[in-house]
N, C-alpha and C. Protein backbone atom coordinates (compact mmCIF):
# COMPACT_ATOMS: atom_id res chain seq x y z
N MET A 1 -2.60 19.98 -2.47
CA MET A 1 -3.47 18.99 -1.87
C MET A 1 -4.90 19.32 -2.25
N GLY A 2 -5.63 18.30 -2.73
CA GLY A 2 -7.02 18.49 -3.11
C GLY A 2 -7.94 18.44 -1.91
N VAL A 3 -9.12 18.97 -2.12
CA VAL A 3 -10.15 18.96 -1.08
C VAL A 3 -11.33 18.18 -1.62
N THR A 4 -11.78 17.20 -0.84
CA THR A 4 -12.92 16.38 -1.21
C THR A 4 -13.85 16.30 -0.03
N SER A 5 -15.11 16.51 -0.28
CA SER A 5 -16.11 16.37 0.78
C SER A 5 -16.67 14.96 0.74
N ILE A 6 -16.94 14.42 1.92
CA ILE A 6 -17.57 13.10 1.99
C ILE A 6 -18.72 13.15 2.98
N ARG A 7 -19.65 12.27 2.78
CA ARG A 7 -20.74 12.10 3.74
C ARG A 7 -20.55 10.75 4.40
N LEU A 8 -20.41 10.78 5.70
CA LEU A 8 -20.21 9.54 6.44
C LEU A 8 -21.55 8.96 6.87
N ASN A 9 -21.65 7.65 6.80
CA ASN A 9 -22.83 6.99 7.34
C ASN A 9 -22.87 7.24 8.84
N SER A 10 -24.05 7.38 9.37
CA SER A 10 -24.18 7.68 10.80
C SER A 10 -23.52 6.62 11.67
N GLU A 11 -23.52 5.36 11.23
CA GLU A 11 -22.94 4.30 12.06
C GLU A 11 -21.41 4.34 12.09
N ILE A 12 -20.78 5.13 11.23
CA ILE A 12 -19.32 5.26 11.25
C ILE A 12 -18.88 6.52 12.00
N GLU A 13 -19.76 7.47 12.13
CA GLU A 13 -19.39 8.76 12.73
C GLU A 13 -18.92 8.61 14.18
N LYS A 14 -19.66 7.88 15.00
CA LYS A 14 -19.29 7.72 16.41
C LYS A 14 -17.98 6.94 16.57
N PRO A 15 -17.83 5.77 15.92
CA PRO A 15 -16.56 5.06 16.04
C PRO A 15 -15.37 5.90 15.53
N LEU A 16 -15.59 6.69 14.50
CA LEU A 16 -14.53 7.55 13.99
C LEU A 16 -14.17 8.61 15.02
N ALA A 17 -15.16 9.21 15.63
CA ALA A 17 -14.90 10.22 16.68
C ALA A 17 -14.14 9.59 17.85
N ASP A 18 -14.54 8.38 18.23
CA ASP A 18 -13.83 7.68 19.31
C ASP A 18 -12.38 7.41 18.93
N LEU A 19 -12.17 7.03 17.68
CA LEU A 19 -10.82 6.75 17.20
C LEU A 19 -9.95 8.00 17.18
N THR A 20 -10.53 9.13 16.83
CA THR A 20 -9.76 10.38 16.83
C THR A 20 -9.25 10.70 18.23
N LYS A 21 -10.06 10.44 19.21
CA LYS A 21 -9.65 10.69 20.60
C LYS A 21 -8.58 9.69 21.04
N LYS A 22 -8.82 8.42 20.72
CA LYS A 22 -7.88 7.37 21.13
C LYS A 22 -6.50 7.59 20.52
N LEU A 23 -6.45 7.93 19.24
CA LEU A 23 -5.18 8.10 18.54
C LEU A 23 -4.63 9.52 18.61
N ASP A 24 -5.43 10.43 19.14
CA ASP A 24 -5.08 11.84 19.19
C ASP A 24 -4.72 12.34 17.78
N ARG A 25 -5.58 11.99 16.84
CA ARG A 25 -5.43 12.39 15.44
C ARG A 25 -6.75 12.97 14.95
N SER A 26 -6.67 13.75 13.88
CA SER A 26 -7.87 14.35 13.32
C SER A 26 -8.63 13.35 12.45
N LYS A 27 -9.90 13.66 12.20
CA LYS A 27 -10.69 12.84 11.27
C LYS A 27 -10.00 12.83 9.91
N ASN A 28 -9.50 13.98 9.51
CA ASN A 28 -8.82 14.09 8.22
C ASN A 28 -7.66 13.11 8.14
N TYR A 29 -6.85 13.03 9.18
CA TYR A 29 -5.70 12.13 9.19
C TYR A 29 -6.16 10.68 9.05
N ILE A 30 -7.12 10.29 9.86
CA ILE A 30 -7.59 8.90 9.87
C ILE A 30 -8.21 8.52 8.53
N ILE A 31 -9.03 9.41 7.99
CA ILE A 31 -9.67 9.12 6.70
C ILE A 31 -8.63 9.03 5.59
N ASN A 32 -7.65 9.93 5.60
CA ASN A 32 -6.59 9.86 4.59
C ASN A 32 -5.82 8.55 4.68
N ARG A 33 -5.48 8.10 5.90
CA ARG A 33 -4.77 6.83 6.05
C ARG A 33 -5.64 5.68 5.54
N ALA A 34 -6.93 5.71 5.85
CA ALA A 34 -7.82 4.64 5.42
C ALA A 34 -7.92 4.60 3.90
N VAL A 35 -8.01 5.74 3.26
CA VAL A 35 -8.08 5.79 1.80
C VAL A 35 -6.77 5.32 1.19
N GLU A 36 -5.64 5.74 1.76
CA GLU A 36 -4.33 5.29 1.26
C GLU A 36 -4.22 3.77 1.31
N GLU A 37 -4.62 3.19 2.44
CA GLU A 37 -4.55 1.74 2.59
C GLU A 37 -5.48 1.04 1.61
N PHE A 38 -6.67 1.58 1.41
CA PHE A 38 -7.63 0.99 0.48
C PHE A 38 -7.08 1.01 -0.94
N VAL A 39 -6.54 2.15 -1.35
CA VAL A 39 -5.99 2.29 -2.70
C VAL A 39 -4.80 1.33 -2.89
N ALA A 40 -3.94 1.24 -1.90
CA ALA A 40 -2.79 0.32 -1.98
C ALA A 40 -3.26 -1.13 -2.07
N ARG A 41 -4.27 -1.49 -1.29
CA ARG A 41 -4.79 -2.86 -1.32
C ARG A 41 -5.41 -3.17 -2.68
N GLN A 42 -6.12 -2.20 -3.25
CA GLN A 42 -6.72 -2.41 -4.56
C GLN A 42 -5.64 -2.60 -5.64
N ALA A 43 -4.56 -1.84 -5.55
CA ALA A 43 -3.46 -1.98 -6.50
C ALA A 43 -2.81 -3.36 -6.36
N MET A 44 -2.65 -3.82 -5.11
CA MET A 44 -2.06 -5.13 -4.88
C MET A 44 -2.97 -6.23 -5.43
N GLU A 45 -4.27 -6.10 -5.23
CA GLU A 45 -5.21 -7.08 -5.76
C GLU A 45 -5.20 -7.09 -7.29
N ARG A 46 -5.08 -5.92 -7.90
CA ARG A 46 -5.00 -5.82 -9.36
C ARG A 46 -3.75 -6.54 -9.85
N ASP A 47 -2.62 -6.30 -9.16
CA ASP A 47 -1.36 -6.96 -9.54
C ASP A 47 -1.46 -8.47 -9.40
N ARG A 48 -2.10 -8.93 -8.32
CA ARG A 48 -2.28 -10.37 -8.13
C ARG A 48 -3.13 -10.96 -9.25
N TRP A 49 -4.18 -10.24 -9.64
CA TRP A 49 -5.05 -10.72 -10.70
C TRP A 49 -4.28 -10.81 -12.02
N GLU A 50 -3.46 -9.81 -12.31
CA GLU A 50 -2.64 -9.83 -13.52
C GLU A 50 -1.66 -10.99 -13.50
N ASP A 51 -1.06 -11.26 -12.32
CA ASP A 51 -0.15 -12.41 -12.18
C ASP A 51 -0.91 -13.72 -12.40
N THR A 52 -2.13 -13.79 -11.89
CA THR A 52 -2.95 -14.99 -12.07
C THR A 52 -3.26 -15.22 -13.54
N LEU A 53 -3.65 -14.16 -14.24
CA LEU A 53 -3.95 -14.30 -15.66
C LEU A 53 -2.72 -14.74 -16.45
N GLU A 54 -1.57 -14.19 -16.09
CA GLU A 54 -0.32 -14.58 -16.74
C GLU A 54 -0.01 -16.06 -16.48
N ALA A 55 -0.22 -16.49 -15.25
CA ALA A 55 0.03 -17.89 -14.90
C ALA A 55 -0.93 -18.82 -15.65
N LEU A 56 -2.19 -18.45 -15.73
CA LEU A 56 -3.15 -19.26 -16.46
C LEU A 56 -2.80 -19.35 -17.94
N ASP A 57 -2.33 -18.25 -18.48
CA ASP A 57 -1.90 -18.23 -19.88
C ASP A 57 -0.70 -19.17 -20.08
N SER A 58 0.22 -19.18 -19.12
CA SER A 58 1.38 -20.08 -19.20
C SER A 58 0.93 -21.54 -19.22
N VAL A 59 -0.01 -21.87 -18.35
CA VAL A 59 -0.51 -23.25 -18.29
C VAL A 59 -1.21 -23.60 -19.60
N LYS A 60 -2.04 -22.69 -20.07
CA LYS A 60 -2.78 -22.92 -21.31
C LYS A 60 -1.83 -23.17 -22.48
N ASN A 61 -0.69 -22.53 -22.47
CA ASN A 61 0.27 -22.67 -23.56
C ASN A 61 1.35 -23.71 -23.28
N GLY A 62 1.15 -24.49 -22.22
CA GLY A 62 2.06 -25.60 -21.94
C GLY A 62 3.39 -25.21 -21.33
N ARG A 63 3.52 -23.99 -20.85
CA ARG A 63 4.77 -23.57 -20.21
C ARG A 63 4.69 -23.93 -18.72
N LEU A 64 5.15 -25.13 -18.41
CA LEU A 64 5.04 -25.67 -17.06
C LEU A 64 6.39 -26.18 -16.57
N ILE A 65 6.53 -26.26 -15.27
CA ILE A 65 7.70 -26.89 -14.64
C ILE A 65 7.18 -28.06 -13.82
N ASP A 66 7.78 -29.21 -13.98
CA ASP A 66 7.37 -30.42 -13.28
C ASP A 66 7.41 -30.19 -11.77
N ALA A 67 6.39 -30.66 -11.08
CA ALA A 67 6.29 -30.48 -9.63
C ALA A 67 7.48 -31.10 -8.90
N GLY A 68 7.96 -32.23 -9.39
CA GLY A 68 9.11 -32.88 -8.77
C GLY A 68 10.36 -32.01 -8.82
N VAL A 69 10.54 -31.30 -9.94
CA VAL A 69 11.68 -30.39 -10.08
C VAL A 69 11.58 -29.24 -9.09
N VAL A 70 10.37 -28.71 -8.94
CA VAL A 70 10.15 -27.60 -8.01
C VAL A 70 10.38 -28.07 -6.58
N GLU A 71 9.87 -29.25 -6.24
CA GLU A 71 10.05 -29.78 -4.88
C GLU A 71 11.52 -30.00 -4.56
N LYS A 72 12.26 -30.55 -5.52
CA LYS A 72 13.70 -30.78 -5.32
C LYS A 72 14.41 -29.44 -5.10
N TRP A 73 14.03 -28.43 -5.88
CA TRP A 73 14.62 -27.09 -5.75
C TRP A 73 14.31 -26.52 -4.37
N MET A 74 13.05 -26.63 -3.95
CA MET A 74 12.66 -26.08 -2.64
C MET A 74 13.34 -26.82 -1.49
N ASP A 75 13.50 -28.12 -1.64
CA ASP A 75 14.19 -28.90 -0.59
C ASP A 75 15.64 -28.47 -0.44
N SER A 76 16.21 -27.89 -1.50
CA SER A 76 17.62 -27.48 -1.44
C SER A 76 17.82 -26.11 -0.78
N TRP A 77 16.74 -25.41 -0.54
CA TRP A 77 16.85 -24.06 0.04
C TRP A 77 17.58 -24.09 1.38
N GLY A 78 18.49 -23.17 1.55
CA GLY A 78 19.20 -23.02 2.81
C GLY A 78 20.37 -23.98 2.98
N GLY A 79 20.53 -24.88 2.05
CA GLY A 79 21.65 -25.83 2.13
C GLY A 79 22.88 -25.30 1.40
N ASP A 80 23.96 -26.02 1.56
CA ASP A 80 25.21 -25.65 0.88
C ASP A 80 25.11 -25.84 -0.63
N ASP A 81 24.27 -26.77 -1.05
CA ASP A 81 24.14 -27.10 -2.48
C ASP A 81 22.79 -26.63 -3.01
N GLU A 82 22.42 -25.39 -2.70
CA GLU A 82 21.12 -24.87 -3.15
C GLU A 82 21.07 -24.84 -4.68
N LEU A 83 19.99 -25.37 -5.21
CA LEU A 83 19.84 -25.47 -6.66
C LEU A 83 19.37 -24.12 -7.24
N PRO A 84 19.69 -23.87 -8.52
CA PRO A 84 19.19 -22.66 -9.16
C PRO A 84 17.68 -22.75 -9.39
N THR A 85 17.05 -21.62 -9.53
CA THR A 85 15.61 -21.56 -9.77
C THR A 85 15.28 -22.29 -11.08
N PRO A 86 14.33 -23.22 -11.02
CA PRO A 86 13.95 -23.93 -12.24
C PRO A 86 13.39 -22.95 -13.29
N THR A 87 13.67 -23.22 -14.54
CA THR A 87 13.14 -22.39 -15.62
C THR A 87 12.42 -23.27 -16.63
N ILE A 88 11.60 -22.65 -17.41
CA ILE A 88 10.82 -23.35 -18.42
C ILE A 88 11.69 -23.61 -19.63
């Protein structure tokens, strides 16, 4: 496990101290959880951006599925005659 020093802004120090008491956890625990969540959220946003770029590229290259086909497919969800996922 690595060791990293941080300097907290004064306006976060008191709420953090209050949170340590409320949760009965150390500052180290709370800060580690916050960093884990931040890193995970950033990775998710990066993945969404990559998906967006891929989708835009598909549109630019004419790889589209008609909205009516998608609506018909979605309307079939949960029924006995559920349609297969539309493909390009």
